[in-house]
Structure formats: structure tokens, C-alpha cells
Amino acid sequence: MFDSQIVKLNNWVTRLRKVRVKPGELLLLFPHCLQWSECPNNLIASLDNCKLCGKCRIKDLIELSE
């Protein structure tokens, strides 16, 4: 519960800062644990290896990043 409060506080502070960046300048960090555990594709090397099958949330994040 404490961790979620820290995340909420950080998100609130980040929104207050109102920093705007161009999409090409935004860095998205994906934790490896989001990848489907049985996926045969190596996403650590490159997200281009994702086949966008939808078995994990990586597909959604890639689409959001585009």
C-alpha cells in the first residue's frame, strides 16, 4: 500500500510540473516482467521483436508509444 501511495504522489508532482516533450524525445521504460512469461521473442534486445500478439501489455505500450 505504501508503494502505491508513493507512485500516486510522484504522478501528482509530475503533472504539476507540466513538462511537455515531443513524442520523439520521450523515453518509455518497460519492466521486463510485463512481457508474457512464455513469449519466445527477446524484447530485451529490441521492442521491434514484439509480434504484437496481445498476450501481454507490451503490445498496448508499443501502440501508445507510436
PDB file of N, CA and C in Angstrom:
ATOM      1  N   MET A   1       0.829  -1.192   0.000  1.00  0.00           N
ATOM      2  CA  MET A   1       0.000   0.000   0.000  1.00  0.00           C
ATOM      3  C   MET A   1       0.872   1.253   0.000  1.00  0.00           C
ATOM      4  N   PHE A   2       1.950   1.245   0.761  1.00  0.00           N
ATOM      5  CA  PHE A   2       2.837   2.398   0.826  1.00  0.00           C
ATOM      6  C   PHE A   2       3.420   2.705  -0.550  1.00  0.00           C
ATOM      7  N   ASP A   3       3.788   1.658  -1.317  1.00  0.00           N
ATOM      8  CA  ASP A   3       4.363   1.857  -2.647  1.00  0.00           C
ATOM      9  C   ASP A   3       3.376   2.559  -3.572  1.00  0.00           C
ATOM     10  N   SER A   4       2.120   2.162  -3.512  1.00  0.00           N
ATOM     11  CA  SER A   4       1.133   2.785  -4.392  1.00  0.00           C
ATOM     12  C   SER A   4       0.924   4.254  -4.038  1.00  0.00           C
ATOM     13  N   GLN A   5       1.053   4.599  -2.767  1.00  0.00           N
ATOM     14  CA  GLN A   5       0.931   5.998  -2.360  1.00  0.00           C
ATOM     15  C   GLN A   5       2.100   6.817  -2.895  1.00  0.00           C
ATOM     16  N   ILE A   6       3.284   6.232  -2.902  1.00  0.00           N
ATOM     17  CA  ILE A   6       4.449   6.921  -3.450  1.00  0.00           C
ATOM     18  C   ILE A   6       4.267   7.151  -4.944  1.00  0.00           C
ATOM     19  N   VAL A   7       3.757   6.155  -5.646  1.00  0.00           N
ATOM     20  CA  VAL A   7       3.526   6.292  -7.089  1.00  0.00           C
ATOM     21  C   VAL A   7       2.490   7.384  -7.343  1.00  0.00           C
ATOM     22  N   LYS A   8       1.412   7.387  -6.582  1.00  0.00           N
ATOM     23  CA  LYS A   8       0.382   8.422  -6.749  1.00  0.00           C
ATOM     24  C   LYS A   8       0.946   9.820  -6.487  1.00  0.00           C
ATOM     25  N   LEU A   9       1.754   9.949  -5.451  1.00  0.00           N
ATOM     26  CA  LEU A   9       2.367  11.236  -5.135  1.00  0.00           C
ATOM     27  C   LEU A   9       3.307  11.671  -6.253  1.00  0.00           C
ATOM     28  N   ASN A  10       4.119  10.749  -6.750  1.00  0.00           N
ATOM     29  CA  ASN A  10       5.031  11.071  -7.840  1.00  0.00           C
ATOM     30  C   ASN A  10       4.269  11.483  -9.095  1.00  0.00           C
ATOM     31  N   ASN A  11       3.206  10.787  -9.419  1.00  0.00           N
ATOM     32  CA  ASN A  11       2.394  11.145 -10.587  1.00  0.00           C
ATOM     33  C   ASN A  11       1.795  12.536 -10.427  1.00  0.00           C
ATOM     34  N   TRP A  12       1.332  12.851  -9.222  1.00  0.00           N
ATOM     35  CA  TRP A  12       0.740  14.157  -8.950  1.00  0.00           C
ATOM     36  C   TRP A  12       1.776  15.272  -9.129  1.00  0.00           C
ATOM     37  N   VAL A  13       2.967  15.061  -8.561  1.00  0.00           N
ATOM     38  CA  VAL A  13       4.043  16.052  -8.683  1.00  0.00           C
ATOM     39  C   VAL A  13       4.439  16.217 -10.149  1.00  0.00           C
ATOM     40  N   THR A  14       4.525  15.112 -10.872  1.00  0.00           N
ATOM     41  CA  THR A  14       4.896  15.160 -12.288  1.00  0.00           C
ATOM     42  C   THR A  14       3.875  15.958 -13.086  1.00  0.00           C
ATOM     43  N   ARG A  15       2.602  15.763 -12.808  1.00  0.00           N
ATOM     44  CA  ARG A  15       1.557  16.525 -13.518  1.00  0.00           C
ATOM     45  C   ARG A  15       1.641  18.013 -13.186  1.00  0.00           C
ATOM     46  N   LEU A  16       1.962  18.347 -11.960  1.00  0.00           N
ATOM     47  CA  LEU A  16       2.091  19.752 -11.562  1.00  0.00           C
ATOM     48  C   LEU A  16       3.217  20.452 -12.315  1.00  0.00           C
ATOM     49  N   ARG A  17       4.266  19.732 -12.613  1.00  0.00           N
ATOM     50  CA  ARG A  17       5.410  20.321 -13.310  1.00  0.00           C
ATOM     51  C   ARG A  17       5.056  20.717 -14.735  1.00  0.00           C
ATOM     52  N   LYS A  18       4.048  20.072 -15.327  1.00  0.00           N
ATOM     53  CA  LYS A  18       3.552  20.374 -16.675  1.00  0.00           C
ATOM     54  C   LYS A  18       4.664  20.424 -17.720  1.00  0.00           C
ATOM     55  N   VAL A  19       5.567  19.480 -17.623  1.00  0.00           N
ATOM     56  CA  VAL A  19       6.644  19.388 -18.604  1.00  0.00           C
ATOM     57  C   VAL A  19       6.074  18.779 -19.879  1.00  0.00           C
ATOM     58  N   ARG A  20       6.344  19.405 -20.984  1.00  0.00           N
ATOM     59  CA  ARG A  20       5.879  18.903 -22.282  1.00  0.00           C
ATOM     60  C   ARG A  20       7.088  18.530 -23.116  1.00  0.00           C
ATOM     61  N   VAL A  21       7.046  17.347 -23.693  1.00  0.00           N
ATOM     62  CA  VAL A  21       8.124  16.901 -24.569  1.00  0.00           C
ATOM     63  C   VAL A  21       7.524  16.386 -25.867  1.00  0.00           C
ATOM     64  N   LYS A  22       8.322  16.443 -26.900  1.00  0.00           N
ATOM     65  CA  LYS A  22       7.894  15.892 -28.179  1.00  0.00           C
ATOM     66  C   LYS A  22       7.910  14.376 -28.068  1.00  0.00           C
ATOM     67  N   PRO A  23       7.010  13.683 -28.768  1.00  0.00           N
ATOM     68  CA  PRO A  23       6.979  12.221 -28.679  1.00  0.00           C
ATOM     69  C   PRO A  23       8.321  11.561 -28.970  1.00  0.00           C
ATOM     70  N   GLY A  24       9.094  12.109 -29.878  1.00  0.00           N
ATOM     71  CA  GLY A  24      10.388  11.533 -30.218  1.00  0.00           C
ATOM     72  C   GLY A  24      11.438  11.714 -29.132  1.00  0.00           C
ATOM     73  N   GLU A  25      11.156  12.588 -28.172  1.00  0.00           N
ATOM     74  CA  GLU A  25      12.094  12.851 -27.085  1.00  0.00           C
ATOM     75  C   GLU A  25      11.704  12.151 -25.784  1.00  0.00           C
ATOM     76  N   LEU A  26      10.594  11.440 -25.799  1.00  0.00           N
ATOM     77  CA  LEU A  26      10.095  10.771 -24.607  1.00  0.00           C
ATOM     78  C   LEU A  26      10.713   9.383 -24.469  1.00  0.00           C
ATOM     79  N   LEU A  27      11.198   9.083 -23.289  1.00  0.00           N
ATOM     80  CA  LEU A  27      11.788   7.769 -23.021  1.00  0.00           C
ATOM     81  C   LEU A  27      10.799   6.945 -22.211  1.00  0.00           C
ATOM     82  N   LEU A  28      10.377   5.816 -22.772  1.00  0.00           N
ATOM     83  CA  LEU A  28       9.486   4.902 -22.067  1.00  0.00           C
ATOM     84  C   LEU A  28      10.298   3.705 -21.600  1.00  0.00           C
ATOM     85  N   LEU A  29      10.216   3.414 -20.321  1.00  0.00           N
ATOM     86  CA  LEU A  29      10.931   2.268 -19.761  1.00  0.00           C
ATOM     87  C   LEU A  29       9.922   1.170 -19.441  1.00  0.00           C
ATOM     88  N   PHE A  30      10.108   0.019 -20.037  1.00  0.00           N
ATOM     89  CA  PHE A  30       9.203  -1.104 -19.830  1.00  0.00           C
ATOM     90  C   PHE A  30       9.868  -2.131 -18.937  1.00  0.00           C
ATOM     91  N   PRO A  31       9.281  -2.445 -17.806  1.00  0.00           N
ATOM     92  CA  PRO A  31       9.864  -3.511 -16.990  1.00  0.00           C
ATOM     93  C   PRO A  31       9.683  -4.859 -17.697  1.00  0.00           C
ATOM     94  N   HIS A  32      10.693  -5.682 -17.613  1.00  0.00           N
ATOM     95  CA  HIS A  32      10.687  -6.985 -18.295  1.00  0.00           C
ATOM     96  C   HIS A  32       9.518  -7.859 -17.834  1.00  0.00           C
ATOM     97  N   CYS A  33       9.091  -7.683 -16.597  1.00  0.00           N
ATOM     98  CA  CYS A  33       8.024  -8.527 -16.054  1.00  0.00           C
ATOM     99  C   CYS A  33       6.681  -8.322 -16.766  1.00  0.00           C
ATOM    100  N   LEU A  34       6.543  -7.273 -17.576  1.00  0.00           N
ATOM    101  CA  LEU A  34       5.303  -7.068 -18.319  1.00  0.00           C
ATOM    102  C   LEU A  34       5.162  -8.028 -19.493  1.00  0.00           C
ATOM    103  N   GLN A  35       6.280  -8.570 -19.934  1.00  0.00           N
ATOM    104  CA  GLN A  35       6.255  -9.493 -21.069  1.00  0.00           C
ATOM    105  C   GLN A  35       5.663 -10.831 -20.640  1.00  0.00           C
ATOM    106  N   TRP A  36       4.855 -11.423 -21.498  1.00  0.00           N
ATOM    107  CA  TRP A  36       4.277 -12.740 -21.258  1.00  0.00           C
ATOM    108  C   TRP A  36       5.408 -13.726 -20.995  1.00  0.00           C
ATOM    109  N   SER A  37       5.312 -14.467 -19.911  1.00  0.00           N
ATOM    110  CA  SER A  37       6.410 -15.327 -19.463  1.00  0.00           C
ATOM    111  C   SER A  37       6.776 -16.426 -20.467  1.00  0.00           C
ATOM    112  N   GLU A  38       5.860 -16.802 -21.345  1.00  0.00           N
ATOM    113  CA  GLU A  38       6.147 -17.857 -22.321  1.00  0.00           C
ATOM    114  C   GLU A  38       6.451 -17.312 -23.717  1.00  0.00           C
ATOM    115  N   CYS A  39       6.644 -16.023 -23.804  1.00  0.00           N
ATOM    116  CA  CYS A  39       6.925 -15.405 -25.109  1.00  0.00           C
ATOM    117  C   CYS A  39       8.296 -15.833 -25.618  1.00  0.00           C
ATOM    118  N   PRO A  40       8.370 -16.281 -26.874  1.00  0.00           N
ATOM    119  CA  PRO A  40       9.656 -16.716 -27.425  1.00  0.00           C
ATOM    120  C   PRO A  40      10.516 -15.556 -27.947  1.00  0.00           C
ATOM    121  N   ASN A  41       9.953 -14.353 -27.983  1.00  0.00           N
ATOM    122  CA  ASN A  41      10.666 -13.212 -28.565  1.00  0.00           C
ATOM    123  C   ASN A  41      11.478 -12.462 -27.511  1.00  0.00           C
ATOM    124  N   ASN A  42      12.693 -12.100 -27.866  1.00  0.00           N
ATOM    125  CA  ASN A  42      13.581 -11.386 -26.960  1.00  0.00           C
ATOM    126  C   ASN A  42      13.315  -9.891 -27.061  1.00  0.00           C
ATOM    127  N   LEU A  43      12.558  -9.360 -26.104  1.00  0.00           N
ATOM    128  CA  LEU A  43      12.245  -7.942 -26.125  1.00  0.00           C
ATOM    129  C   LEU A  43      13.303  -7.106 -25.430  1.00  0.00           C
ATOM    130  N   ILE A  44      14.202  -7.751 -24.708  1.00  0.00           N
ATOM    131  CA  ILE A  44      15.277  -7.010 -24.065  1.00  0.00           C
ATOM    132  C   ILE A  44      16.191  -6.415 -25.135  1.00  0.00           C
ATOM    133  N   ALA A  45      16.445  -7.158 -26.180  1.00  0.00           N
ATOM    134  CA  ALA A  45      17.305  -6.690 -27.263  1.00  0.00           C
ATOM    135  C   ALA A  45      16.639  -5.551 -28.030  1.00  0.00           C
ATOM    136  N   SER A  46      15.342  -5.701 -28.310  1.00  0.00           N
ATOM    137  CA  SER A  46      14.639  -4.674 -29.075  1.00  0.00           C
ATOM    138  C   SER A  46      13.131  -4.904 -28.998  1.00  0.00           C
ATOM    139  N   LEU A  47      12.379  -3.836 -28.815  1.00  0.00           N
ATOM    140  CA  LEU A  47      10.922  -3.956 -28.839  1.00  0.00           C
ATOM    141  C   LEU A  47      10.413  -4.266 -30.241  1.00  0.00           C
ATOM    142  N   ASP A  48      11.275  -4.071 -31.243  1.00  0.00           N
ATOM    143  CA  ASP A  48      10.897  -4.429 -32.619  1.00  0.00           C
ATOM    144  C   ASP A  48      10.668  -5.932 -32.748  1.00  0.00           C
ATOM    145  N   ASN A  49      11.156  -6.716 -31.787  1.00  0.00           N
ATOM    146  CA  ASN A  49      10.959  -8.171 -31.806  1.00  0.00           C
ATOM    147  C   ASN A  49       9.549  -8.567 -31.385  1.00  0.00           C
ATOM    148  N   CYS A  50       8.788  -7.635 -30.839  1.00  0.00           N
ATOM    149  CA  CYS A  50       7.420  -7.937 -30.396  1.00  0.00           C
ATOM    150  C   CYS A  50       6.535  -8.188 -31.611  1.00  0.00           C
ATOM    151  N   LYS A  51       5.770  -9.260 -31.571  1.00  0.00           N
ATOM    152  CA  LYS A  51       4.875  -9.607 -32.680  1.00  0.00           C
ATOM    153  C   LYS A  51       3.474  -9.028 -32.471  1.00  0.00           C
ATOM    154  N   LEU A  52       3.290  -8.246 -31.393  1.00  0.00           N
ATOM    155  CA  LEU A  52       2.016  -7.578 -31.099  1.00  0.00           C
ATOM    156  C   LEU A  52       0.856  -8.568 -31.019  1.00  0.00           C
ATOM    157  N   CYS A  53       1.101  -9.717 -30.399  1.00  0.00           N
ATOM    158  CA  CYS A  53       0.085 -10.773 -30.321  1.00  0.00           C
ATOM    159  C   CYS A  53      -1.017 -10.446 -29.314  1.00  0.00           C
ATOM    160  N   GLY A  54      -0.729  -9.580 -28.343  1.00  0.00           N
ATOM    161  CA  GLY A  54      -1.739  -9.202 -27.365  1.00  0.00           C
ATOM    162  C   GLY A  54      -1.792 -10.091 -26.129  1.00  0.00           C
ATOM    163  N   LYS A  55      -0.865 -11.016 -25.988  1.00  0.00           N
ATOM    164  CA  LYS A  55      -0.867 -11.900 -24.815  1.00  0.00           C
ATOM    165  C   LYS A  55      -0.291 -11.212 -23.584  1.00  0.00           C
ATOM    166  N   CYS A  56       0.274 -10.023 -23.768  1.00  0.00           N
ATOM    167  CA  CYS A  56       0.758  -9.239 -22.634  1.00  0.00           C
ATOM    168  C   CYS A  56       0.503  -7.762 -22.925  1.00  0.00           C
ATOM    169  N   ARG A  57       0.825  -6.909 -21.981  1.00  0.00           N
ATOM    170  CA  ARG A  57       0.549  -5.476 -22.111  1.00  0.00           C
ATOM    171  C   ARG A  57       1.581  -4.738 -22.958  1.00  0.00           C
ATOM    172  N   ILE A  58       2.639  -5.418 -23.367  1.00  0.00           N
ATOM    173  CA  ILE A  58       3.668  -4.770 -24.171  1.00  0.00           C
ATOM    174  C   ILE A  58       3.063  -4.210 -25.456  1.00  0.00           C
ATOM    175  N   LYS A  59       2.161  -4.958 -26.065  1.00  0.00           N
ATOM    176  CA  LYS A  59       1.509  -4.511 -27.296  1.00  0.00           C
ATOM    177  C   LYS A  59       0.841  -3.159 -27.081  1.00  0.00           C
ATOM    178  N   ASP A  60       0.117  -3.000 -26.000  1.00  0.00           N
ATOM    179  CA  ASP A  60      -0.579  -1.749 -25.706  1.00  0.00           C
ATOM    180  C   ASP A  60       0.415  -0.599 -25.518  1.00  0.00           C
ATOM    181  N   LEU A  61       1.512  -0.874 -24.831  1.00  0.00           N
ATOM    182  CA  LEU A  61       2.507   0.160 -24.586  1.00  0.00           C
ATOM    183  C   LEU A  61       3.224   0.572 -25.867  1.00  0.00           C
ATOM    184  N   ILE A  62       3.487  -0.392 -26.730  1.00  0.00           N
ATOM    185  CA  ILE A  62       4.117  -0.068 -28.018  1.00  0.00           C
ATOM    186  C   ILE A  62       3.187   0.792 -28.862  1.00  0.00           C
ATOM    187  N   GLU A  63       1.914   0.428 -28.887  1.00  0.00           N
ATOM    188  CA  GLU A  63       0.949   1.208 -29.649  1.00  0.00           C
ATOM    189  C   GLU A  63       0.813   2.621 -29.084  1.00  0.00           C
ATOM    190  N   LEU A  64       0.854   2.748 -27.770  1.00  0.00           N
ATOM    191  CA  LEU A  64       0.794   4.049 -27.126  1.00  0.00           C
ATOM    192  C   LEU A  64       2.013   4.884 -27.494  1.00  0.00           C
ATOM    193  N   SER A  65       3.157   4.245 -27.563  1.00  0.00           N
ATOM    194  CA  SER A  65       4.381   4.979 -27.856  1.00  0.00           C
ATOM    195  C   SER A  65       4.418   5.498 -29.293  1.00  0.00           C
ATOM    196  N   GLU A  66       3.687   4.843 -30.166  1.00  0.00           N
ATOM    197  CA  GLU A  66       3.670   5.253 -31.566  1.00  0.00           C
ATOM    198  C   GLU A  66       2.687   6.379 -31.761  1.00  0.00           C
TER     199      GLU A  66
END
